[in-house]
Amino acid sequence: MLGFRRIVITTPLQVSDACAAIETETQRARAPLPSAKRFFTGSVSGDGFELHRTGPFKNGIGPVIKGRIATGDDGTTTVTATLRVSLYGLVLLASLGTIATAYLIARDAGGFVAVVVLLVAIGAYEVDAGRCESRLRRTLGAV
């Protein structure tokens, strides 16, 4: 489904260590200035987290990452997370899709430009979601 990914990461870390590892990559939400040293902005609780990628500007297309951390039956820790487009990103993509459709119905060349912009926005989300997933896996020492 467009703008939605579900990932499962298995890690040898204990739940508390996995939370601590994610927390070292996360700055608190609404920090005065984004930290170049922290990849995520958000919050980490005892068994879950909600993150956004940190950047120098507001990234409406970037994924919102919500996850749960639990101990599996075999003693390993499993992190289950969903990556989805933010509400702002959904509105932006829907607007671009509507504009593209209107121009295409009117048989205007602007419709093709709008379609290209829409595809670039979708591609930007997918690249960003891939980077976030990769960083989470690396942070947790995924098996």
C-alpha atoms as a PDB file:
ATOM      1  CA  MET A   1       0.000   0.000   0.000  1.00  0.00           C
ATOM      2  CA  LEU A   2       1.311   3.423  -0.898  1.00  0.00           C
ATOM      3  CA  GLY A   3       2.820   5.272   2.035  1.00  0.00           C
ATOM      4  CA  PHE A   4       2.617   2.388   4.501  1.00  0.00           C
ATOM      5  CA  ARG A   5       5.213  -0.198   5.524  1.00  0.00           C
ATOM      6  CA  ARG A   6       5.189  -2.725   8.313  1.00  0.00           C
ATOM      7  CA  ILE A   7       8.567  -4.022   9.422  1.00  0.00           C
ATOM      8  CA  VAL A   8       9.640  -6.625  11.945  1.00  0.00           C
ATOM      9  CA  ILE A   9      13.171  -6.486  13.338  1.00  0.00           C
ATOM     10  CA  THR A  10      14.642  -9.257  15.480  1.00  0.00           C
ATOM     11  CA  THR A  11      17.503  -8.191  17.723  1.00  0.00           C
ATOM     12  CA  PRO A  12      19.655  -9.932  20.319  1.00  0.00           C
ATOM     13  CA  LEU A  13      19.255  -6.915  22.647  1.00  0.00           C
ATOM     14  CA  GLN A  14      16.979  -7.035  25.683  1.00  0.00           C
ATOM     15  CA  VAL A  15      13.865  -4.811  25.586  1.00  0.00           C
ATOM     16  CA  SER A  16      15.443  -2.177  27.844  1.00  0.00           C
ATOM     17  CA  ASP A  17      18.659  -2.168  25.779  1.00  0.00           C
ATOM     18  CA  ALA A  18      16.680  -1.877  22.529  1.00  0.00           C
ATOM     19  CA  CYS A  19      14.778   1.114  23.954  1.00  0.00           C
ATOM     20  CA  ALA A  20      18.054   2.675  25.069  1.00  0.00           C
ATOM     21  CA  ALA A  21      19.598   2.120  21.616  1.00  0.00           C
ATOM     22  CA  ILE A  22      16.679   3.826  19.894  1.00  0.00           C
ATOM     23  CA  GLU A  23      16.752   6.618  22.468  1.00  0.00           C
ATOM     24  CA  THR A  24      20.413   7.361  21.686  1.00  0.00           C
ATOM     25  CA  GLU A  25      19.353   8.038  18.073  1.00  0.00           C
ATOM     26  CA  THR A  26      16.365  10.164  19.123  1.00  0.00           C
ATOM     27  CA  GLN A  27      16.065  13.738  20.305  1.00  0.00           C
ATOM     28  CA  ARG A  28      12.965  14.792  22.170  1.00  0.00           C
ATOM     29  CA  ALA A  29      10.086  16.212  20.186  1.00  0.00           C
ATOM     30  CA  ARG A  30       9.941  19.978  19.911  1.00  0.00           C
ATOM     31  CA  ALA A  31      13.631  20.443  20.607  1.00  0.00           C
ATOM     32  CA  PRO A  32      14.638  24.081  19.945  1.00  0.00           C
ATOM     33  CA  LEU A  33      16.993  23.121  17.108  1.00  0.00           C
ATOM     34  CA  PRO A  34      17.348  19.801  15.303  1.00  0.00           C
ATOM     35  CA  SER A  35      20.496  17.950  16.272  1.00  0.00           C
ATOM     36  CA  ALA A  36      22.677  16.748  13.421  1.00  0.00           C
ATOM     37  CA  LYS A  37      23.862  13.942  15.721  1.00  0.00           C
ATOM     38  CA  ARG A  38      20.426  12.394  16.192  1.00  0.00           C
ATOM     39  CA  PHE A  39      18.707  10.691  13.248  1.00  0.00           C
ATOM     40  CA  PHE A  40      15.195  10.723  14.752  1.00  0.00           C
ATOM     41  CA  THR A  41      12.957  13.144  16.625  1.00  0.00           C
ATOM     42  CA  GLY A  42      10.212  11.798  18.850  1.00  0.00           C
ATOM     43  CA  SER A  43       9.602   9.820  21.983  1.00  0.00           C
ATOM     44  CA  VAL A  44      10.598   6.418  23.322  1.00  0.00           C
ATOM     45  CA  SER A  45       8.660   4.777  26.160  1.00  0.00           C
ATOM     46  CA  GLY A  46       9.232   1.521  28.034  1.00  0.00           C
ATOM     47  CA  ASP A  47       7.963  -0.691  25.245  1.00  0.00           C
ATOM     48  CA  GLY A  48       7.321   1.555  22.253  1.00  0.00           C
ATOM     49  CA  PHE A  49       8.264   4.616  20.267  1.00  0.00           C
ATOM     50  CA  GLU A  50       6.978   7.257  17.850  1.00  0.00           C
ATOM     51  CA  LEU A  51       9.608   8.841  15.627  1.00  0.00           C
ATOM     52  CA  HIS A  52      10.129  11.187  12.688  1.00  0.00           C
ATOM     53  CA  ARG A  53      13.382  11.637  10.798  1.00  0.00           C
ATOM     54  CA  THR A  54      15.355  14.681  11.950  1.00  0.00           C
ATOM     55  CA  GLY A  55      16.183  17.200   9.266  1.00  0.00           C
ATOM     56  CA  PRO A  56      16.966  20.867   8.774  1.00  0.00           C
ATOM     57  CA  PHE A  57      13.399  21.551   7.586  1.00  0.00           C
ATOM     58  CA  LYS A  58       9.841  20.237   8.040  1.00  0.00           C
ATOM     59  CA  ASN A  59       9.572  17.011   6.077  1.00  0.00           C
ATOM     60  CA  GLY A  60       5.895  16.403   5.387  1.00  0.00           C
ATOM     61  CA  ILE A  61       6.525  13.500   3.049  1.00  0.00           C
ATOM     62  CA  GLY A  62       8.836  11.653   5.442  1.00  0.00           C
ATOM     63  CA  PRO A  63       7.499   8.691   7.413  1.00  0.00           C
ATOM     64  CA  VAL A  64       6.010   8.667  10.886  1.00  0.00           C
ATOM     65  CA  ILE A  65       7.353   5.561  12.625  1.00  0.00           C
ATOM     66  CA  LYS A  66       5.361   3.930  15.420  1.00  0.00           C
ATOM     67  CA  GLY A  67       6.653   0.779  16.990  1.00  0.00           C
ATOM     68  CA  ARG A  68       6.403  -1.727  19.810  1.00  0.00           C
ATOM     69  CA  ILE A  69       9.242  -3.658  21.416  1.00  0.00           C
ATOM     70  CA  ALA A  70       8.526  -7.084  22.922  1.00  0.00           C
ATOM     71  CA  THR A  71      10.328 -10.243  23.961  1.00  0.00           C
ATOM     72  CA  GLY A  72       9.641 -13.189  21.667  1.00  0.00           C
ATOM     73  CA  ASP A  73       9.049 -16.801  22.707  1.00  0.00           C
ATOM     74  CA  ASP A  74      12.662 -17.737  21.970  1.00  0.00           C
ATOM     75  CA  GLY A  75      14.083 -14.975  24.188  1.00  0.00           C
ATOM     76  CA  THR A  76      14.985 -12.596  21.363  1.00  0.00           C
ATOM     77  CA  THR A  77      13.541  -9.118  21.206  1.00  0.00           C
ATOM     78  CA  THR A  78      11.179  -8.279  18.375  1.00  0.00           C
ATOM     79  CA  VAL A  79      10.538  -4.735  17.219  1.00  0.00           C
ATOM     80  CA  THR A  80       7.381  -4.311  15.151  1.00  0.00           C
ATOM     81  CA  ALA A  81       7.029  -0.921  13.502  1.00  0.00           C
ATOM     82  CA  THR A  82       4.829   0.782  10.957  1.00  0.00           C
ATOM     83  CA  LEU A  83       6.062   3.557   8.719  1.00  0.00           C
ATOM     84  CA  ARG A  84       3.348   5.757   7.244  1.00  0.00           C
ATOM     85  CA  VAL A  85       3.019   9.124   5.559  1.00  0.00           C
ATOM     86  CA  SER A  86       2.097  11.956   7.924  1.00  0.00           C
ATOM     87  CA  LEU A  87      -1.288  13.659   7.652  1.00  0.00           C
ATOM     88  CA  TYR A  88       0.385  16.644   5.997  1.00  0.00           C
ATOM     89  CA  GLY A  89       1.997  14.301   3.467  1.00  0.00           C
ATOM     90  CA  LEU A  90      -1.330  12.602   2.716  1.00  0.00           C
ATOM     91  CA  VAL A  91      -2.969  15.968   2.060  1.00  0.00           C
ATOM     92  CA  LEU A  92      -0.070  16.981  -0.185  1.00  0.00           C
ATOM     93  CA  LEU A  93      -0.168  13.727  -2.179  1.00  0.00           C
ATOM     94  CA  ALA A  94      -3.963  13.865  -2.504  1.00  0.00           C
ATOM     95  CA  SER A  95      -3.758  17.460  -3.720  1.00  0.00           C
ATOM     96  CA  LEU A  96      -1.111  16.586  -6.295  1.00  0.00           C
ATOM     97  CA  GLY A  97      -3.193  13.625  -7.461  1.00  0.00           C
ATOM     98  CA  THR A  98      -6.294  15.797  -7.784  1.00  0.00           C
ATOM     99  CA  ILE A  99      -4.421  18.466  -9.737  1.00  0.00           C
ATOM    100  CA  ALA A 100      -2.887  15.850 -12.018  1.00  0.00           C
ATOM    101  CA  THR A 101      -6.287  14.269 -12.657  1.00  0.00           C
ATOM    102  CA  ALA A 102      -7.933  17.634 -13.395  1.00  0.00           C
ATOM    103  CA  TYR A 103      -5.218  18.588 -15.875  1.00  0.00           C
ATOM    104  CA  LEU A 104      -5.316  15.177 -17.553  1.00  0.00           C
ATOM    105  CA  ILE A 105      -9.114  15.325 -17.913  1.00  0.00           C
ATOM    106  CA  ALA A 106      -8.750  18.779 -19.472  1.00  0.00           C
ATOM    107  CA  ARG A 107      -6.076  17.297 -21.777  1.00  0.00           C
ATOM    108  CA  ASP A 108      -3.632  19.931 -20.684  1.00  0.00           C
ATOM    109  CA  ALA A 109       0.126  19.362 -20.738  1.00  0.00           C
ATOM    110  CA  GLY A 110       0.276  20.516 -17.120  1.00  0.00           C
ATOM    111  CA  GLY A 111      -1.217  17.157 -16.150  1.00  0.00           C
ATOM    112  CA  PHE A 112       1.952  15.370 -17.178  1.00  0.00           C
ATOM    113  CA  VAL A 113       4.025  17.782 -15.114  1.00  0.00           C
ATOM    114  CA  ALA A 114       1.750  17.182 -12.106  1.00  0.00           C
ATOM    115  CA  VAL A 115       2.075  13.415 -12.570  1.00  0.00           C
ATOM    116  CA  VAL A 116       5.874  13.721 -12.623  1.00  0.00           C
ATOM    117  CA  VAL A 117       5.818  15.857  -9.442  1.00  0.00           C
ATOM    118  CA  LEU A 118       3.518  13.288  -7.783  1.00  0.00           C
ATOM    119  CA  LEU A 119       5.837  10.425  -8.732  1.00  0.00           C
ATOM    120  CA  VAL A 120       8.863  12.332  -7.417  1.00  0.00           C
ATOM    121  CA  ALA A 121       7.060  12.940  -4.098  1.00  0.00           C
ATOM    122  CA  ILE A 122       6.177   9.246  -3.811  1.00  0.00           C
ATOM    123  CA  GLY A 123       9.755   8.301  -4.654  1.00  0.00           C
ATOM    124  CA  ALA A 124      11.070  10.732  -2.026  1.00  0.00           C
ATOM    125  CA  TYR A 125       8.868   9.072   0.605  1.00  0.00           C
ATOM    126  CA  GLU A 126      10.049   5.588  -0.371  1.00  0.00           C
ATOM    127  CA  VAL A 127      13.717   6.616  -0.235  1.00  0.00           C
ATOM    128  CA  ASP A 128      13.237   8.290   3.151  1.00  0.00           C
ATOM    129  CA  ALA A 129      11.311   5.306   4.540  1.00  0.00           C
ATOM    130  CA  GLY A 130      14.113   3.007   3.373  1.00  0.00           C
ATOM    131  CA  ARG A 131      16.716   5.167   5.114  1.00  0.00           C
ATOM    132  CA  CYS A 132      14.705   5.149   8.348  1.00  0.00           C
ATOM    133  CA  GLU A 133      14.233   1.381   8.233  1.00  0.00           C
ATOM    134  CA  SER A 134      17.934   0.867   7.541  1.00  0.00           C
ATOM    135  CA  ARG A 135      18.934   3.119  10.458  1.00  0.00           C
ATOM    136  CA  LEU A 136      16.568   1.291  12.829  1.00  0.00           C
ATOM    137  CA  ARG A 137      17.994  -2.071  11.782  1.00  0.00           C
ATOM    138  CA  ARG A 138      21.572  -0.840  12.221  1.00  0.00           C
ATOM    139  CA  THR A 139      20.785   0.792  15.589  1.00  0.00           C
ATOM    140  CA  LEU A 140      19.237  -2.418  16.915  1.00  0.00           C
ATOM    141  CA  GLY A 141      21.933  -4.743  15.537  1.00  0.00           C
ATOM    142  CA  ALA A 142      19.259  -6.646  13.636  1.00  0.00           C
ATOM    143  CA  VAL A 143      19.703 -10.390  13.189  1.00  0.00           C
END
